[in-house]
Amino acid sequence: MWKLVTTIQSCTRLTEVLSFLNTNRIKYRVCRFSPSYTEEQIEQDISRLGLGVLEAVTLNVEGKGPILVITPASLALDFTEFSKLLAPFAIGTLAPTEIGPGSPCSPPENILPPLCGLFGLESFLSPLIEKHGTIGFFVESGTTLIALEASEFRRTLCNTSPIPVPTRPKYRAYATPGRKANESCILGVSLENADFQTPKLLTIAAWVRNHYSRCLVMLGDGLHRITLQLDSDAPEDEALEHSKWLARDFVHSQGSVFTLTGCSCAFDFVFCSGIQATHHSYSNYYNHVTALFNDNKAFQDSCRAFAYDFLKRRPRRQQNNAKHIEMSCRYVLEELAVISCLTQGLPCSFVYPGSLTILEEIARGKHPGVPECLLTIDYVELKLKSRHKLEGK
C-alpha cells in the first residue's frame, strides 16, 4: 500500500502529469491563474466548463486495494449508493495522512489528477463525463488547470470498470413555505452570479424538475447590461453585446445541467434581450410600471430598496450616486416588464435562489397597480445549503 501511495505522490506534480500526457501524445492546454485572481473569479471562469471540470478521489476496496473514482467536480460521490454497487466488498476513503506529509496531495489541496493511466489503478467513471466535448482538471493546486477534448481524455484511461459512479448534488434547496401547486415556472437567471455556477445550478435544476412539469429559464442578458455599466462604465451598446454573449455562453456551458437523463421537466430558454427587442407588449408593460413608479410612493420605495441592495453588492457601485440609483431602478422596472410578457395568461411560479423583495411584495398583493398578469405570480425563494455544512463535515 505505501509503495502505491508513494507512486501517487510522485505522479501528481505538474511535470509528471505533463510528461505522461506528452508521452501518450495527448493534446491539451494548460491554464495558470495569476495570483491576482480571487477564488471567486477562478470559480466563475471554470464554471464555463460546466460538468466538464473533473476531480478524482482514491478509495480503498477491502481485499483489493486502492481505486480511482472520477466524477464531475460540481457533484459529490454518492458514497452510500456506490458502496452498494461494490458489495460485498467494503470500501473506505484514504485519509490525508495516508497520502503522506509534504506531497502535492497533502492538505489543504489534496488534488489528484483524474488520470488512471498515470497511476495504474482501476478507475470508475461517472457516466455524465461522456456528455462533454471539453473537460478540465486541476493539478497541484486550484490555480493550474489542464483542459483537453473528451476524446483525448478517453485515451488516458486504462483498466476502467463498467460500473458507473453514482453522484449527488453538493447542495440542498429549501423553498419558502406556502408554495402554490402550479405546473409551470419561470427560473430567473442572473448572469455572472455565483448562485448560478454549476454546483448550485445542479441543485436548483433538480428542485425545479421535482416540482414542475415545464420551466422557462429566463436569462437576464438585456438586464445584465446595466450591471456591466455600473461595474465598468461600459457604453450601453457594448454592455448589451457582452451580456448577450454571456447568456449564450451560459446555455452552451450549462445546457447539460437541464437535460440530464430521466428529466421529467421540459426546460426552455428565453433571453430578456429578445423579449425587450421584439415582444409586442414589452413597451406597454414598461410604460405601465414606470408610470406606477412615478405616481405611487409605496411602489417607488420598494423599487428603491431593491436598488440600494443591488448597489451595495459591488465596490464600484455607489448608493449615494443619483445616476446609479436611477440605473438600478430601471433594472427592476425592465425586469418586471419582461416577466409580465412571459406570464400573459399563464399562472405560474417565479423561482429564484435569493431574495427579490419586489416580487415577494407583489405576490402578497402589496402593489395592486402593477400589470394584472404579475398579480397571479407565485414567488418562490430558494435557499441553498451545502450538504457538508448540514452533515457537520
Protein backbone atom coordinates (compact mmCIF):
# COMPACT_ATOMS: atom_id res chain seq x y z
CA MET A 1 0.00 0.00 0.00
CA TRP A 2 2.68 2.51 0.97
CA LYS A 3 4.59 1.87 -2.26
CA LEU A 4 1.47 2.63 -4.29
CA VAL A 5 0.71 5.75 -2.28
CA THR A 6 4.28 6.94 -2.82
CA THR A 7 3.77 6.45 -6.57
CA ILE A 8 0.61 8.56 -6.44
CA GLN A 9 2.54 11.30 -4.62
CA SER A 10 5.28 11.45 -7.23
CA CYS A 11 2.82 11.40 -10.14
CA THR A 12 0.71 14.34 -9.05
CA ARG A 13 3.29 17.02 -9.73
CA LEU A 14 2.63 19.08 -12.85
CA THR A 15 5.87 17.99 -14.52
CA GLU A 16 4.98 14.29 -14.17
CA VAL A 17 1.42 14.87 -15.40
CA LEU A 18 2.61 16.77 -18.47
CA SER A 19 5.24 14.13 -19.15
CA PHE A 20 2.54 11.44 -19.07
CA LEU A 21 0.31 13.41 -21.46
CA ASN A 22 3.19 14.16 -23.82
CA THR A 23 4.37 10.55 -23.85
CA ASN A 24 0.88 9.44 -24.85
CA ARG A 25 0.62 12.21 -27.47
CA ILE A 26 -2.38 13.79 -25.77
CA LYS A 27 -3.39 17.26 -26.94
CA TYR A 28 -4.02 19.59 -24.01
CA ARG A 29 -3.91 23.20 -22.83
CA VAL A 30 -2.50 24.49 -19.55
CA CYS A 31 -4.15 27.47 -17.86
CA ARG A 32 -2.39 29.09 -14.90
CA PHE A 33 -4.40 31.65 -12.96
CA SER A 34 -2.27 34.53 -11.74
CA PRO A 35 -2.04 35.34 -8.01
CA SER A 36 -4.27 38.36 -8.58
CA TYR A 37 -7.23 36.06 -9.32
CA THR A 38 -9.55 35.55 -6.38
CA GLU A 39 -11.05 32.15 -5.64
CA GLU A 40 -14.44 33.53 -6.70
CA GLN A 41 -13.05 34.68 -10.07
CA ILE A 42 -11.44 31.28 -10.70
CA GLU A 43 -14.72 29.52 -9.92
CA GLN A 44 -16.53 31.85 -12.33
CA ASP A 45 -14.05 31.09 -15.11
CA ILE A 46 -14.04 27.31 -14.68
CA SER A 47 -17.84 27.28 -14.49
CA ARG A 48 -17.73 27.81 -18.25
CA LEU A 49 -16.72 24.12 -18.47
CA GLY A 50 -19.95 23.16 -16.69
CA LEU A 51 -19.96 19.49 -15.73
CA GLY A 52 -16.72 19.06 -17.66
CA VAL A 53 -14.49 20.01 -14.71
CA LEU A 54 -13.36 16.66 -13.27
CA GLU A 55 -11.91 15.53 -9.99
CA ALA A 56 -10.65 12.21 -8.67
CA VAL A 57 -10.65 10.57 -5.27
CA THR A 58 -8.88 7.45 -4.13
CA LEU A 59 -10.86 4.86 -2.20
CA ASN A 60 -9.72 1.62 -0.66
CA VAL A 61 -11.60 -1.58 -1.51
CA GLU A 62 -11.17 -4.18 1.21
CA GLY A 63 -9.11 -7.06 -0.09
CA LYS A 64 -8.34 -5.34 -3.42
CA GLY A 65 -6.58 -2.09 -2.61
CA PRO A 66 -6.97 1.48 -3.89
CA ILE A 67 -9.22 2.51 -6.78
CA LEU A 68 -9.65 5.85 -8.54
CA VAL A 69 -13.13 7.36 -8.75
CA ILE A 70 -13.63 10.13 -11.34
CA THR A 71 -16.64 12.47 -11.21
CA PRO A 72 -17.60 16.00 -12.29
CA ALA A 73 -16.18 18.33 -9.64
CA SER A 74 -19.59 20.01 -9.34
CA LEU A 75 -21.10 16.82 -7.92
CA ALA A 76 -20.25 14.67 -4.94
CA LEU A 77 -19.75 10.92 -4.95
CA ASP A 78 -22.83 9.19 -3.54
CA PHE A 79 -20.80 7.02 -1.20
CA THR A 80 -23.77 5.02 0.09
CA GLU A 81 -25.03 4.04 -3.36
CA PHE A 82 -21.51 3.35 -4.62
CA SER A 83 -20.90 1.04 -1.64
CA LYS A 84 -23.98 -0.96 -2.63
CA LEU A 85 -22.65 -1.38 -6.17
CA LEU A 86 -19.37 -2.83 -4.89
CA ALA A 87 -20.94 -5.09 -2.26
CA PRO A 88 -19.95 -7.43 -0.67
CA PHE A 89 -16.59 -5.64 -0.71
CA ALA A 90 -16.34 -2.87 1.87
CA ILE A 91 -14.91 0.48 0.74
CA GLY A 92 -13.37 3.32 2.66
CA THR A 93 -11.67 6.63 1.99
CA LEU A 94 -7.92 7.08 2.09
CA ALA A 95 -7.22 9.60 4.83
CA PRO A 96 -4.90 12.55 4.05
CA THR A 97 -2.36 11.07 6.48
CA GLU A 98 -2.08 8.04 4.21
CA ILE A 99 -1.08 10.26 1.32
CA GLY A 100 1.89 11.49 3.33
CA PRO A 101 3.06 14.93 4.52
CA GLY A 102 4.79 17.32 2.19
CA SER A 103 3.47 15.86 -1.05
CA PRO A 104 1.45 17.81 -3.62
CA CYS A 105 -1.57 15.81 -2.44
CA SER A 106 -1.30 16.85 1.19
CA PRO A 107 -3.95 19.09 2.74
CA PRO A 108 -5.22 21.65 2.07
CA GLU A 109 -5.19 21.00 -1.69
CA ASN A 110 -5.34 17.17 -1.73
CA ILE A 111 -5.70 17.30 -5.53
CA LEU A 112 -5.32 14.21 -7.68
CA PRO A 113 -5.49 14.40 -11.48
CA PRO A 114 -8.20 12.07 -12.89
CA LEU A 115 -5.72 10.03 -14.92
CA CYS A 116 -5.98 6.37 -14.03
CA GLY A 117 -3.39 5.53 -16.67
CA LEU A 118 -0.90 7.60 -14.69
CA PHE A 119 -1.35 5.54 -11.52
CA GLY A 120 -2.19 2.10 -12.86
CA LEU A 121 -5.32 1.96 -10.70
CA GLU A 122 -8.69 0.52 -11.62
CA SER A 123 -10.91 3.51 -12.35
CA PHE A 124 -14.63 4.15 -12.02
CA LEU A 125 -16.21 6.91 -14.13
CA SER A 126 -19.36 8.94 -13.76
CA PRO A 127 -21.49 8.46 -16.93
CA LEU A 128 -22.00 12.24 -17.01
CA ILE A 129 -18.43 12.68 -18.22
CA GLU A 130 -19.38 11.24 -21.60
CA LYS A 131 -21.69 14.19 -22.25
CA HIS A 132 -18.95 16.78 -22.69
CA GLY A 133 -16.78 17.82 -25.59
CA THR A 134 -14.18 19.58 -23.43
CA ILE A 135 -13.07 18.60 -19.95
CA GLY A 136 -10.55 20.01 -17.48
CA PHE A 137 -8.92 19.20 -14.18
CA PHE A 138 -6.59 20.85 -11.67
CA VAL A 139 -3.06 19.73 -10.93
CA GLU A 140 -1.03 20.53 -7.79
CA SER A 141 -3.28 23.41 -6.77
CA GLY A 142 -6.52 25.19 -7.52
CA THR A 143 -4.75 27.64 -9.84
CA THR A 144 -3.36 25.31 -12.55
CA LEU A 145 -5.94 23.80 -14.90
CA ILE A 146 -5.36 21.35 -17.75
CA ALA A 147 -8.05 21.34 -20.45
CA LEU A 148 -8.45 18.79 -23.24
CA GLU A 149 -11.08 17.32 -25.50
CA ALA A 150 -13.09 14.43 -24.09
CA SER A 151 -11.87 12.18 -26.92
CA GLU A 152 -8.29 12.89 -25.86
CA PHE A 153 -9.17 12.26 -22.22
CA ARG A 154 -10.52 8.80 -23.06
CA ARG A 155 -7.09 7.90 -24.41
CA THR A 156 -5.62 8.46 -20.93
CA LEU A 157 -7.90 5.83 -19.39
CA CYS A 158 -6.97 2.23 -18.67
CA ASN A 159 -8.40 -0.59 -16.61
CA THR A 160 -11.78 1.13 -16.48
CA SER A 161 -14.62 -0.58 -14.65
CA PRO A 162 -18.04 -0.79 -16.36
CA ILE A 163 -19.71 0.03 -13.03
CA PRO A 164 -20.97 3.65 -13.25
CA VAL A 165 -20.32 6.09 -10.44
CA PRO A 166 -23.46 7.44 -8.71
CA THR A 167 -23.30 11.11 -7.76
CA ARG A 168 -25.43 13.63 -5.89
CA PRO A 169 -25.61 17.45 -5.72
CA LYS A 170 -23.35 19.20 -3.23
CA TYR A 171 -26.20 21.46 -2.09
CA ARG A 172 -29.76 21.10 -0.90
CA ALA A 173 -32.56 23.54 -1.77
CA TYR A 174 -35.26 24.76 0.58
CA ALA A 175 -38.23 26.76 -0.71
CA THR A 176 -40.24 29.42 1.04
CA PRO A 177 -43.39 27.96 2.65
CA GLY A 178 -46.81 28.32 1.06
CA ARG A 179 -45.75 27.45 -2.47
CA LYS A 180 -48.66 27.05 -4.90
CA ALA A 181 -49.04 23.81 -6.86
CA ASN A 182 -48.50 25.32 -10.31
CA GLU A 183 -47.44 23.11 -13.22
CA SER A 184 -45.08 25.65 -14.76
CA CYS A 185 -42.49 28.09 -13.52
CA ILE A 186 -40.03 30.75 -14.61
CA LEU A 187 -36.49 30.33 -13.33
CA GLY A 188 -34.75 33.69 -13.22
CA VAL A 189 -31.02 33.50 -14.05
CA SER A 190 -28.65 36.33 -13.13
CA LEU A 191 -25.52 36.23 -15.27
CA GLU A 192 -22.08 36.12 -13.61
CA ASN A 193 -23.74 35.29 -10.31
CA ALA A 194 -22.17 32.62 -8.06
CA ASP A 195 -25.59 31.14 -7.31
CA PHE A 196 -25.81 30.04 -10.95
CA GLN A 197 -22.43 28.33 -11.19
CA THR A 198 -22.63 24.61 -11.88
CA PRO A 199 -22.61 23.13 -8.32
CA LYS A 200 -25.56 25.25 -7.17
CA LEU A 201 -27.30 25.23 -10.55
CA LEU A 202 -27.48 21.42 -10.40
CA THR A 203 -29.43 21.67 -7.16
CA ILE A 204 -31.70 24.43 -8.48
CA ALA A 205 -32.50 22.48 -11.66
CA ALA A 206 -33.13 19.29 -9.66
CA TRP A 207 -35.55 21.11 -7.36
CA VAL A 208 -37.41 22.62 -10.33
CA ARG A 209 -37.51 19.20 -12.01
CA ASN A 210 -39.12 17.68 -8.93
CA HIS A 211 -41.84 20.31 -8.60
CA TYR A 212 -42.83 21.45 -12.12
CA SER A 213 -43.51 19.88 -15.49
CA ARG A 214 -42.46 22.95 -17.51
CA CYS A 215 -39.84 25.61 -16.82
CA LEU A 216 -38.93 28.74 -18.74
CA VAL A 217 -35.31 29.64 -17.97
CA MET A 218 -35.19 33.43 -18.15
CA LEU A 219 -31.67 34.63 -18.97
CA GLY A 220 -31.24 38.23 -17.91
CA ASP A 221 -28.89 39.41 -20.64
CA GLY A 222 -30.78 42.59 -21.52
CA LEU A 223 -30.87 43.46 -17.81
CA HIS A 224 -27.25 42.49 -17.16
CA ARG A 225 -26.08 45.30 -19.44
CA ILE A 226 -26.99 47.67 -16.57
CA THR A 227 -24.85 45.62 -14.16
CA LEU A 228 -21.90 45.87 -16.55
CA GLN A 229 -22.38 49.62 -16.92
CA LEU A 230 -22.42 50.05 -13.15
CA ASP A 231 -19.28 47.95 -12.70
CA SER A 232 -17.20 49.16 -15.63
CA ASP A 233 -18.73 52.33 -17.12
CA ALA A 234 -19.04 50.46 -20.43
CA PRO A 235 -21.11 52.11 -23.19
CA GLU A 236 -24.64 50.72 -23.31
CA ASP A 237 -24.33 49.07 -26.73
CA GLU A 238 -21.07 47.32 -25.77
CA ALA A 239 -22.52 46.21 -22.43
CA LEU A 240 -25.56 44.76 -24.19
CA GLU A 241 -23.49 42.82 -26.74
CA HIS A 242 -21.28 41.39 -24.00
CA SER A 243 -24.35 40.45 -21.97
CA LYS A 244 -25.81 38.62 -24.97
CA TRP A 245 -22.56 36.70 -25.35
CA LEU A 246 -22.56 35.76 -21.65
CA ALA A 247 -26.13 34.45 -21.90
CA ARG A 248 -25.38 32.26 -24.90
CA ASP A 249 -22.19 31.03 -23.30
CA PHE A 250 -24.25 30.09 -20.23
CA VAL A 251 -26.61 28.00 -22.37
CA HIS A 252 -23.64 26.31 -24.05
CA SER A 253 -21.75 25.52 -20.84
CA GLN A 254 -24.68 24.71 -18.55
CA GLY A 255 -27.12 23.18 -21.03
CA SER A 256 -26.39 19.62 -19.89
CA VAL A 257 -27.47 20.54 -16.35
CA PHE A 258 -31.01 20.91 -17.66
CA THR A 259 -31.01 17.82 -19.89
CA LEU A 260 -29.90 15.08 -17.52
CA THR A 261 -31.16 11.56 -18.22
CA GLY A 262 -34.62 10.92 -16.83
CA CYS A 263 -35.57 14.59 -16.77
CA SER A 264 -39.36 14.85 -16.48
CA CYS A 265 -39.46 18.65 -16.75
CA ALA A 266 -39.31 20.47 -20.08
CA PHE A 267 -36.79 23.33 -19.88
CA ASP A 268 -36.85 26.12 -22.47
CA PHE A 269 -34.56 29.14 -22.62
CA VAL A 270 -35.66 32.70 -23.23
CA PHE A 271 -33.43 35.77 -23.48
CA CYS A 272 -34.53 39.03 -21.90
CA SER A 273 -32.84 40.96 -24.70
CA GLY A 274 -35.08 39.21 -27.23
CA ILE A 275 -38.23 39.98 -25.23
CA GLN A 276 -37.21 43.63 -24.91
CA ALA A 277 -36.46 43.96 -28.61
CA THR A 278 -39.33 42.04 -30.20
CA HIS A 279 -42.24 41.33 -27.85
CA HIS A 280 -45.25 43.41 -28.87
CA SER A 281 -46.32 44.08 -25.25
CA TYR A 282 -42.96 44.94 -23.69
CA SER A 283 -43.16 48.72 -24.24
CA ASN A 284 -46.69 48.85 -22.84
CA TYR A 285 -45.72 46.93 -19.71
CA TYR A 286 -42.59 49.03 -19.23
CA ASN A 287 -44.56 52.25 -19.56
CA HIS A 288 -47.13 50.84 -17.10
CA VAL A 289 -44.61 50.07 -14.33
CA THR A 290 -42.69 53.31 -14.99
CA ALA A 291 -45.88 55.35 -14.55
CA LEU A 292 -46.64 53.44 -11.35
CA PHE A 293 -43.11 54.16 -10.11
CA ASN A 294 -43.59 57.89 -10.74
CA ASP A 295 -47.07 58.10 -9.17
CA ASN A 296 -47.08 55.54 -6.36
CA LYS A 297 -44.75 56.21 -3.41
CA ALA A 298 -45.07 52.72 -1.90
CA PHE A 299 -44.07 51.09 -5.18
CA GLN A 300 -41.27 53.61 -5.70
CA ASP A 301 -39.92 52.96 -2.20
CA SER A 302 -39.87 49.21 -2.86
CA CYS A 303 -38.01 49.70 -6.14
CA ARG A 304 -35.50 51.99 -4.46
CA ALA A 305 -34.96 49.45 -1.67
CA PHE A 306 -34.10 46.91 -4.36
CA ALA A 307 -31.77 49.45 -5.97
CA TYR A 308 -29.87 50.14 -2.73
CA ASP A 309 -29.41 46.42 -2.13
CA PHE A 310 -28.27 45.94 -5.72
CA LEU A 311 -25.74 48.76 -5.46
CA LYS A 312 -24.06 47.61 -2.27
CA ARG A 313 -23.03 44.24 -3.73
CA ARG A 314 -20.01 45.59 -5.64
CA PRO A 315 -17.44 48.25 -4.62
CA ARG A 316 -17.72 50.31 -7.82
CA ARG A 317 -21.45 50.86 -7.31
CA GLN A 318 -22.38 53.98 -5.38
CA GLN A 319 -25.51 54.02 -3.23
CA ASN A 320 -25.49 57.79 -2.99
CA ASN A 321 -24.95 58.37 -6.71
CA ALA A 322 -28.19 59.58 -8.29
CA LYS A 323 -27.28 58.10 -11.67
CA HIS A 324 -26.52 54.68 -10.17
CA ILE A 325 -29.79 54.69 -8.24
CA GLU A 326 -31.70 55.61 -11.40
CA MET A 327 -29.98 52.83 -13.38
CA SER A 328 -30.71 50.27 -10.66
CA CYS A 329 -34.38 51.25 -10.52
CA ARG A 330 -34.51 50.95 -14.31
CA TYR A 331 -33.16 47.40 -13.91
CA VAL A 332 -36.08 46.33 -11.72
CA LEU A 333 -38.68 48.10 -13.89
CA GLU A 334 -37.34 46.42 -17.04
CA GLU A 335 -37.28 43.07 -15.25
CA LEU A 336 -40.93 43.44 -14.21
CA ALA A 337 -41.89 44.33 -17.78
CA VAL A 338 -40.11 41.23 -19.14
CA ILE A 339 -41.76 38.98 -16.56
CA SER A 340 -45.12 40.50 -17.47
CA CYS A 341 -44.57 39.46 -21.09
CA LEU A 342 -43.75 35.90 -20.03
CA THR A 343 -46.74 35.47 -17.73
CA GLN A 344 -49.56 36.64 -20.01
CA GLY A 345 -52.45 34.25 -19.43
CA LEU A 346 -50.18 31.72 -17.73
CA PRO A 347 -50.45 31.35 -13.93
CA CYS A 348 -47.00 30.25 -12.84
CA SER A 349 -44.33 30.48 -10.19
CA PHE A 350 -41.20 32.62 -10.36
CA VAL A 351 -38.27 30.73 -8.84
CA TYR A 352 -35.06 32.43 -7.76
CA PRO A 353 -32.20 31.39 -5.43
CA GLY A 354 -32.24 34.56 -3.40
CA SER A 355 -34.44 37.36 -2.22
CA LEU A 356 -36.29 39.52 -4.76
CA THR A 357 -38.37 41.54 -2.33
CA ILE A 358 -40.28 43.43 -5.01
CA LEU A 359 -41.69 40.17 -6.45
CA GLU A 360 -42.43 38.88 -2.98
CA GLU A 361 -44.41 42.05 -2.21
CA ILE A 362 -46.31 41.79 -5.49
CA ALA A 363 -47.17 38.15 -4.73
CA ARG A 364 -48.53 39.26 -1.33
CA GLY A 365 -50.73 41.87 -3.01
CA LYS A 366 -48.87 44.93 -1.74
CA HIS A 367 -48.74 46.61 -5.18
CA PRO A 368 -52.15 46.08 -6.85
CA GLY A 369 -51.37 48.70 -9.51
CA VAL A 370 -48.82 46.54 -11.34
CA PRO A 371 -49.84 44.79 -14.58
CA GLU A 372 -52.57 42.26 -13.86
CA CYS A 373 -50.51 39.28 -15.05
CA LEU A 374 -47.93 39.96 -12.31
CA LEU A 375 -50.62 39.60 -9.65
CA THR A 376 -51.04 35.91 -10.50
CA ILE A 377 -47.35 35.06 -9.92
CA ASP A 378 -46.36 32.77 -7.08
CA TYR A 379 -42.91 33.89 -5.96
CA VAL A 380 -40.67 31.08 -4.68
CA GLU A 381 -37.38 31.92 -3.00
CA LEU A 382 -34.88 29.05 -2.87
CA LYS A 383 -32.27 28.85 -0.13
CA LEU A 384 -29.24 26.69 -0.89
CA LYS A 385 -27.24 24.98 1.84
CA SER A 386 -24.06 22.97 1.50
CA ARG A 387 -24.51 19.28 2.35
CA HIS A 388 -21.12 19.35 4.07
CA LYS A 389 -22.35 22.02 6.46
CA LEU A 390 -25.63 20.20 7.00
CA GLU A 391 -23.80 16.96 7.72
CA GLY A 392 -21.31 18.69 10.01
CA LYS A 393 -18.31 17.98 7.80
